Amino acid sequence: MRSLLLPLPVLLLALAVSGRPCPAAEPDAPLPPGVKAVWDLGKAVREKTPTRERVCLNGLWRWQPSAPGADAVPDGRWGFFKVPGGWPGVTDYMQKDCQTVFAHPAWKGEKLGGVTSAWYQREIAVPADWAGRRIVLRVDTLNSYAAVHVDGKKAGEIRFPGGEADLTAACRPGGRHVLSLAVAAMPLKAVLVSYNDTAAAREVKGSVARRGLCGDVWLVGGPAGPRIAAVKVDPSVRKGELALDTALEGLAPDAAYTLRAQIREKDRPVTELTSKPFKAGDLQGGRIAFAGTWKPDKLWDLHTPQNVYHVQLSLLDAGGKVLDAA
């Protein structure tokens, strides 16, 4: 009978091409009984529209303080810290610490109140039905700068106050990946400098009251082509109109588009507003605005909080096909 044992180099190669993340070189910090870091996206909060889906990545992440400017993903010494949550050390009674750091023995004695840089890490499983979609990491509130790595390679950057990093080229639908973020807390002056020169920004001194990933973190699958990036809804009871200012991305230069806003009360359609046809060249600073006449029958105030309307904005091509909805 032939032996099934593989030489060590062959075994390591097989593990590398399997697509599964390799374990950390050093054991992670132990967690108290009953406490677990759950990274199963099947149990996470999901939100879905006809054209996009997002999955919440909140929860316990691997975490450890780092030296400013460190760009190599650590292979050990991981503790745990909850996302979202500001780093330890805030003593203001309105912003005091609300999360527990599960420290690794290697840095347990470090004064975390003075930390200005730290690493976050967790595993993600990209849904298989996201094939052909644009895959994005969305951070709602960030203080102040994050370099995003997938499987040890830098894939993008996010800056204060929050934003997105496109991970499409780094992630495989149906595959598992290790997501790591190098987060630096920088004063506002350094944040502004970082848009032009990341290295120079690290040299600017200052303090930040709330540091780290302080808002929800999402993995988003959306359209790879024309898409809605942001929407500002501006209702006016005095004018009897509803205005929408929309940021758009990925528009084809010569194609024509329209925007359609559907206003609903719970599941009941109330009215619909449609923009004039436009092209990419009609955008001002990547945005386009339109307004329509509408005055709701029921107005919201402190005594009638149940009077709530919802707006769904859709981007349509010249033939009326929905390309994206938000």
Protein backbone atom coordinates (compact mmCIF):
# COMPACT_ATOMS: atom_id res chain seq x y z
CA MET A 1 0.00 0.00 0.00
CA ARG A 2 1.38 3.41 -1.01
CA SER A 3 1.71 6.12 1.64
CA LEU A 4 -0.77 9.04 1.46
CA LEU A 5 1.54 11.40 3.36
CA LEU A 6 2.60 14.43 1.31
CA PRO A 7 5.96 16.19 1.65
CA LEU A 8 5.65 19.38 3.71
CA PRO A 9 6.16 21.83 0.77
CA VAL A 10 3.45 20.07 -1.25
CA LEU A 11 1.08 20.12 1.73
CA LEU A 12 1.59 23.85 2.25
CA LEU A 13 0.98 24.49 -1.44
CA ALA A 14 -2.26 22.50 -1.29
CA LEU A 15 -3.46 24.57 1.66
CA ALA A 16 -2.57 27.81 -0.12
CA VAL A 17 -4.57 27.02 -3.27
CA SER A 18 -7.57 25.66 -1.38
CA GLY A 19 -8.88 29.20 -0.85
CA ARG A 20 -9.21 28.80 2.92
CA PRO A 21 -7.47 31.29 5.20
CA CYS A 22 -4.40 29.96 7.01
CA PRO A 23 -4.55 30.17 10.81
CA ALA A 24 -2.59 32.82 12.67
CA ALA A 25 0.98 31.93 13.58
CA GLU A 26 0.27 32.54 17.28
CA PRO A 27 -2.92 31.58 19.12
CA ASP A 28 -5.48 34.34 19.57
CA ALA A 29 -6.20 35.68 23.04
CA PRO A 30 -8.58 33.44 24.99
CA LEU A 31 -12.18 34.64 25.32
CA PRO A 32 -14.28 34.27 28.51
CA PRO A 33 -16.65 31.30 28.76
CA GLY A 34 -19.72 31.85 26.62
CA VAL A 35 -18.09 34.58 24.49
CA LYS A 36 -17.43 33.77 20.82
CA ALA A 37 -16.38 35.67 17.71
CA VAL A 38 -19.13 34.70 15.24
CA TRP A 39 -18.17 35.36 11.61
CA ASP A 40 -21.00 33.44 9.94
CA LEU A 41 -22.61 35.81 7.43
CA GLY A 42 -25.65 33.53 7.35
CA LYS A 43 -26.45 34.77 10.87
CA ALA A 44 -25.73 38.44 10.14
CA VAL A 45 -28.21 41.24 9.51
CA ARG A 46 -28.98 41.57 5.78
CA GLU A 47 -30.68 44.29 3.77
CA LYS A 48 -31.73 43.74 0.18
CA THR A 49 -33.18 45.72 -2.74
CA PRO A 50 -33.92 44.48 -6.27
CA THR A 51 -30.39 45.42 -7.37
CA ARG A 52 -28.11 45.22 -4.33
CA GLU A 53 -27.57 43.54 -0.99
CA ARG A 54 -25.52 44.33 2.09
CA VAL A 55 -24.45 42.13 5.00
CA CYS A 56 -23.48 43.51 8.40
CA LEU A 57 -19.94 42.72 9.62
CA ASN A 58 -20.42 44.03 13.16
CA GLY A 59 -19.31 41.91 16.12
CA LEU A 60 -16.08 40.75 17.71
CA TRP A 61 -13.06 41.24 15.44
CA ARG A 62 -9.44 40.36 16.02
CA TRP A 63 -7.67 43.52 17.22
CA GLN A 64 -4.26 44.69 18.33
CA PRO A 65 -2.42 48.01 18.70
CA SER A 66 0.33 48.71 16.20
CA ALA A 67 3.16 51.11 15.50
CA PRO A 68 2.19 54.14 13.37
CA GLY A 69 2.75 53.48 9.67
CA ALA A 70 2.88 49.68 9.95
CA ASP A 71 1.76 48.17 6.64
CA ALA A 72 2.37 44.43 7.06
CA VAL A 73 -0.60 42.43 8.34
CA PRO A 74 0.34 40.80 11.69
CA ASP A 75 0.46 37.00 11.82
CA GLY A 76 -0.17 36.70 15.56
CA ARG A 77 -0.64 38.51 18.90
CA TRP A 78 -4.35 39.01 18.19
CA GLY A 79 -6.76 40.04 20.89
CA PHE A 80 -10.43 40.89 20.30
CA PHE A 81 -12.49 44.09 20.23
CA LYS A 82 -16.06 44.78 19.20
CA VAL A 83 -17.08 46.66 16.06
CA PRO A 84 -18.46 49.29 16.23
CA GLY A 85 -16.72 50.86 19.19
CA GLY A 86 -14.23 53.60 20.02
CA TRP A 87 -10.82 52.55 21.31
CA PRO A 88 -10.26 52.52 25.08
CA GLY A 89 -9.16 55.56 27.04
CA VAL A 90 -12.08 57.97 26.69
CA THR A 91 -13.02 59.29 30.14
CA ASP A 92 -15.56 61.97 29.17
CA TYR A 93 -18.83 61.05 30.86
CA MET A 94 -20.75 61.39 27.59
CA GLN A 95 -18.29 59.32 25.56
CA LYS A 96 -16.84 56.88 28.07
CA ASP A 97 -15.69 53.42 27.05
CA CYS A 98 -18.52 51.07 26.14
CA GLN A 99 -16.66 48.01 24.82
CA THR A 100 -14.27 45.52 26.40
CA VAL A 101 -10.82 44.79 24.99
CA PHE A 102 -9.84 41.12 25.22
CA ALA A 103 -6.08 41.64 25.26
CA HIS A 104 -3.42 39.22 24.07
CA PRO A 105 -0.83 38.39 26.76
CA ALA A 106 1.92 39.85 24.53
CA TRP A 107 0.50 43.39 24.83
CA LYS A 108 -1.82 43.13 27.83
CA GLY A 109 0.15 45.73 29.81
CA GLU A 110 0.15 48.38 27.08
CA LYS A 111 -1.61 51.69 27.82
CA LEU A 112 -4.40 51.56 25.27
CA GLY A 113 -5.57 55.12 25.97
CA GLY A 114 -2.61 56.44 23.99
CA VAL A 115 -2.94 54.11 21.00
CA THR A 116 -3.10 55.96 17.67
CA SER A 117 -2.86 52.96 15.30
CA ALA A 118 -4.37 49.48 15.43
CA TRP A 119 -5.16 46.47 13.28
CA TYR A 120 -8.56 44.82 12.87
CA GLN A 121 -9.14 41.41 11.29
CA ARG A 122 -11.92 38.91 10.61
CA GLU A 123 -12.88 36.33 8.00
CA ILE A 124 -15.58 36.92 5.40
CA ALA A 125 -17.43 34.56 3.07
CA VAL A 126 -18.61 36.32 -0.10
CA PRO A 127 -22.08 35.10 -1.14
CA ALA A 128 -21.90 32.90 -4.24
CA ASP A 129 -24.82 34.70 -5.89
CA TRP A 130 -22.80 37.94 -5.96
CA ALA A 131 -21.04 36.83 -9.15
CA GLY A 132 -20.86 39.75 -11.57
CA ARG A 133 -21.54 42.29 -8.82
CA ARG A 134 -19.35 45.09 -7.53
CA ILE A 135 -18.20 44.09 -4.02
CA VAL A 136 -17.58 46.93 -1.59
CA LEU A 137 -16.55 47.32 2.05
CA ARG A 138 -18.62 50.12 3.61
CA VAL A 139 -17.63 51.82 6.90
CA ASP A 140 -20.25 54.24 8.21
CA THR A 141 -18.10 56.12 10.77
CA LEU A 142 -14.30 56.02 10.77
CA ASN A 143 -11.78 57.96 12.85
CA SER A 144 -9.74 58.53 10.86
CA TYR A 145 -8.00 56.47 8.12
CA ALA A 146 -8.09 52.78 7.18
CA ALA A 147 -5.92 50.80 4.79
CA VAL A 148 -7.96 47.77 3.71
CA HIS A 149 -6.22 44.43 3.05
CA VAL A 150 -7.69 41.22 1.66
CA ASP A 151 -5.69 38.01 2.22
CA GLY A 152 -2.67 40.11 3.20
CA LYS A 153 -2.67 42.39 0.13
CA LYS A 154 -3.73 46.03 0.19
CA ALA A 155 -7.02 46.50 -1.66
CA GLY A 156 -8.11 50.07 -0.89
CA GLU A 157 -8.37 52.99 1.53
CA ILE A 158 -11.18 54.67 3.48
CA ARG A 159 -11.05 58.05 5.21
CA PHE A 160 -12.98 60.08 7.78
CA PRO A 161 -15.93 60.39 8.18
CA GLY A 162 -16.55 57.06 6.39
CA GLY A 163 -16.84 55.60 2.93
CA GLU A 164 -16.23 52.60 0.70
CA ALA A 165 -13.37 50.48 -0.58
CA ASP A 166 -13.91 48.51 -3.80
CA LEU A 167 -12.93 44.88 -3.16
CA THR A 168 -14.25 43.41 -6.44
CA ALA A 169 -10.82 42.50 -7.79
CA ALA A 170 -9.69 41.01 -4.46
CA CYS A 171 -12.76 38.91 -3.56
CA ARG A 172 -14.18 35.81 -5.19
CA PRO A 173 -17.95 35.16 -4.95
CA GLY A 174 -18.40 31.90 -3.07
CA GLY A 175 -14.91 32.15 -1.56
CA ARG A 176 -13.59 32.86 1.93
CA HIS A 177 -11.14 35.67 2.60
CA VAL A 178 -9.29 37.30 5.48
CA LEU A 179 -10.21 40.98 5.80
CA SER A 180 -7.68 43.18 7.67
CA LEU A 181 -7.83 46.93 8.34
CA ALA A 182 -4.93 49.10 9.50
CA VAL A 183 -6.68 52.02 11.21
CA ALA A 184 -4.96 55.25 12.22
CA ALA A 185 -6.55 57.93 14.42
CA MET A 186 -5.52 61.31 13.04
CA PRO A 187 -6.50 64.92 13.80
CA LEU A 188 -8.56 66.67 11.13
CA LYS A 189 -5.49 68.41 9.66
CA ALA A 190 -3.83 65.05 9.06
CA VAL A 191 -7.00 63.65 7.50
CA LEU A 192 -6.98 66.48 4.96
CA VAL A 193 -3.29 65.90 4.21
CA SER A 194 -3.88 62.16 3.76
CA TYR A 195 -5.96 62.77 0.64
CA ASN A 196 -2.80 63.94 -1.08
CA ASP A 197 0.04 62.23 0.80
CA THR A 198 -0.65 59.35 3.19
CA ALA A 199 2.95 59.23 4.43
CA ALA A 200 2.96 62.92 5.36
CA ALA A 201 -0.32 62.54 7.23
CA ARG A 202 1.25 60.09 9.66
CA GLU A 203 3.67 62.80 10.81
CA VAL A 204 0.98 65.27 11.89
CA LYS A 205 0.48 65.28 15.67
CA GLY A 206 -2.83 65.77 17.44
CA SER A 207 -5.59 63.98 19.31
CA VAL A 208 -8.87 62.33 18.34
CA ALA A 209 -11.70 61.92 20.86
CA ARG A 210 -13.31 58.82 19.31
CA ARG A 211 -10.84 56.54 17.55
CA GLY A 212 -11.30 53.50 15.33
CA LEU A 213 -14.30 51.88 13.63
CA CYS A 214 -17.06 53.82 15.41
CA GLY A 215 -19.93 52.98 13.04
CA ASP A 216 -21.47 49.96 11.35
CA VAL A 217 -19.38 47.99 8.85
CA TRP A 218 -21.01 46.35 5.82
CA LEU A 219 -20.07 44.07 2.93
CA VAL A 220 -22.06 45.30 -0.06
CA GLY A 221 -22.83 43.64 -3.38
CA GLY A 222 -24.18 46.02 -6.00
CA PRO A 223 -24.29 46.80 -9.71
CA ALA A 224 -20.96 46.73 -11.51
CA GLY A 225 -22.13 49.30 -14.09
CA PRO A 226 -24.23 52.47 -13.72
CA ARG A 227 -25.24 52.91 -10.10
CA ILE A 228 -26.57 55.25 -7.43
CA ALA A 229 -23.81 56.30 -5.01
CA ALA A 230 -25.74 58.62 -2.67
CA VAL A 231 -29.11 60.36 -2.38
CA LYS A 232 -30.14 63.57 -0.60
CA VAL A 233 -33.92 63.90 -0.12
CA ASP A 234 -35.15 67.48 0.43
CA PRO A 235 -38.93 67.80 1.06
CA SER A 236 -40.59 71.21 1.33
CA VAL A 237 -44.09 71.57 2.74
CA ARG A 238 -44.04 75.30 2.00
CA LYS A 239 -43.28 74.75 -1.70
CA GLY A 240 -45.30 71.53 -1.92
CA GLU A 241 -42.45 69.68 -3.62
CA LEU A 242 -39.92 66.91 -3.13
CA ALA A 243 -36.36 67.43 -4.41
CA LEU A 244 -33.73 64.73 -4.80
CA ASP A 245 -30.00 65.35 -5.28
CA THR A 246 -28.33 62.14 -6.47
CA ALA A 247 -24.69 61.09 -6.89
CA LEU A 248 -24.18 58.64 -9.76
CA GLU A 249 -21.24 56.48 -10.82
CA GLY A 250 -20.31 54.28 -13.77
CA LEU A 251 -22.50 56.02 -16.37
CA ALA A 252 -21.71 55.32 -20.04
CA PRO A 253 -20.71 58.58 -21.82
CA ASP A 254 -23.32 58.43 -24.62
CA ALA A 255 -26.18 56.59 -22.91
CA ALA A 256 -29.38 58.29 -21.72
CA TYR A 257 -30.81 57.71 -18.24
CA THR A 258 -33.70 58.81 -16.05
CA LEU A 259 -34.32 58.76 -12.31
CA ARG A 260 -37.64 57.61 -10.85
CA ALA A 261 -38.71 58.24 -7.25
CA GLN A 262 -41.55 56.15 -5.85
CA ILE A 263 -43.11 57.42 -2.62
CA ARG A 264 -44.86 54.83 -0.48
CA GLU A 265 -46.77 54.79 2.77
CA LYS A 266 -45.97 51.38 4.23
CA ASP A 267 -46.81 49.08 1.26
CA ARG A 268 -49.18 51.51 -0.45
CA PRO A 269 -47.86 53.56 -3.40
CA VAL A 270 -48.63 57.26 -2.97
CA THR A 271 -47.05 59.02 -5.94
CA GLU A 272 -44.19 58.84 -8.42
CA LEU A 273 -41.76 61.48 -9.67
CA THR A 274 -39.55 61.12 -12.75
CA SER A 275 -36.62 63.22 -13.91
CA LYS A 276 -36.00 64.41 -17.44
CA PRO A 277 -33.64 62.19 -19.50
CA PHE A 278 -29.97 63.02 -18.92
CA LYS A 279 -26.48 61.87 -19.90
CA ALA A 280 -23.21 61.62 -18.00
CA GLY A 281 -22.16 65.05 -19.27
CA ASP A 282 -25.17 66.66 -17.58
CA LEU A 283 -23.90 65.80 -14.09
CA GLN A 284 -22.39 68.55 -11.96
CA GLY A 285 -19.66 67.23 -9.71
CA GLY A 286 -20.95 63.70 -10.26
CA ARG A 287 -24.46 64.66 -9.13
CA ILE A 288 -27.81 65.52 -10.68
CA ALA A 289 -30.92 66.98 -9.05
CA PHE A 290 -34.60 67.02 -9.91
CA ALA A 291 -37.82 67.93 -8.12
CA GLY A 292 -41.52 67.25 -8.44
CA THR A 293 -44.75 68.55 -6.99
CA TRP A 294 -45.94 66.60 -3.95
CA LYS A 295 -47.53 67.59 -0.66
CA PRO A 296 -48.38 64.67 1.64
CA ASP A 297 -51.88 64.33 3.04
CA LYS A 298 -50.44 63.43 6.44
CA LEU A 299 -47.64 65.48 7.94
CA TRP A 300 -45.14 64.29 10.52
CA ASP A 301 -44.69 66.04 13.85
CA LEU A 302 -44.10 65.08 17.48
CA HIS A 303 -47.77 64.19 17.92
CA THR A 304 -48.05 62.10 14.73
CA PRO A 305 -44.81 60.08 14.52
CA GLN A 306 -46.63 57.37 12.60
CA ASN A 307 -46.90 59.61 9.53
CA VAL A 308 -43.81 58.29 7.74
CA TYR A 309 -43.23 57.94 4.00
CA HIS A 310 -40.51 55.99 2.19
CA VAL A 311 -38.79 56.91 -1.07
CA GLN A 312 -37.28 54.35 -3.44
CA LEU A 313 -35.09 55.91 -6.11
CA SER A 314 -34.37 53.92 -9.28
CA LEU A 315 -31.88 54.57 -12.09
CA LEU A 316 -33.35 53.57 -15.47
CA ASP A 317 -31.81 53.22 -18.92
CA ALA A 318 -33.37 54.67 -22.08
CA GLY A 319 -35.61 51.61 -22.44
CA GLY A 320 -36.98 51.88 -18.89
CA LYS A 321 -34.94 48.97 -17.46
CA VAL A 322 -34.01 49.42 -13.77
CA LEU A 323 -30.21 49.50 -13.46
CA ASP A 324 -30.03 50.29 -9.74
CA ALA A 325 -32.35 51.16 -6.87
CA ALA A 326 -31.74 52.75 -3.49
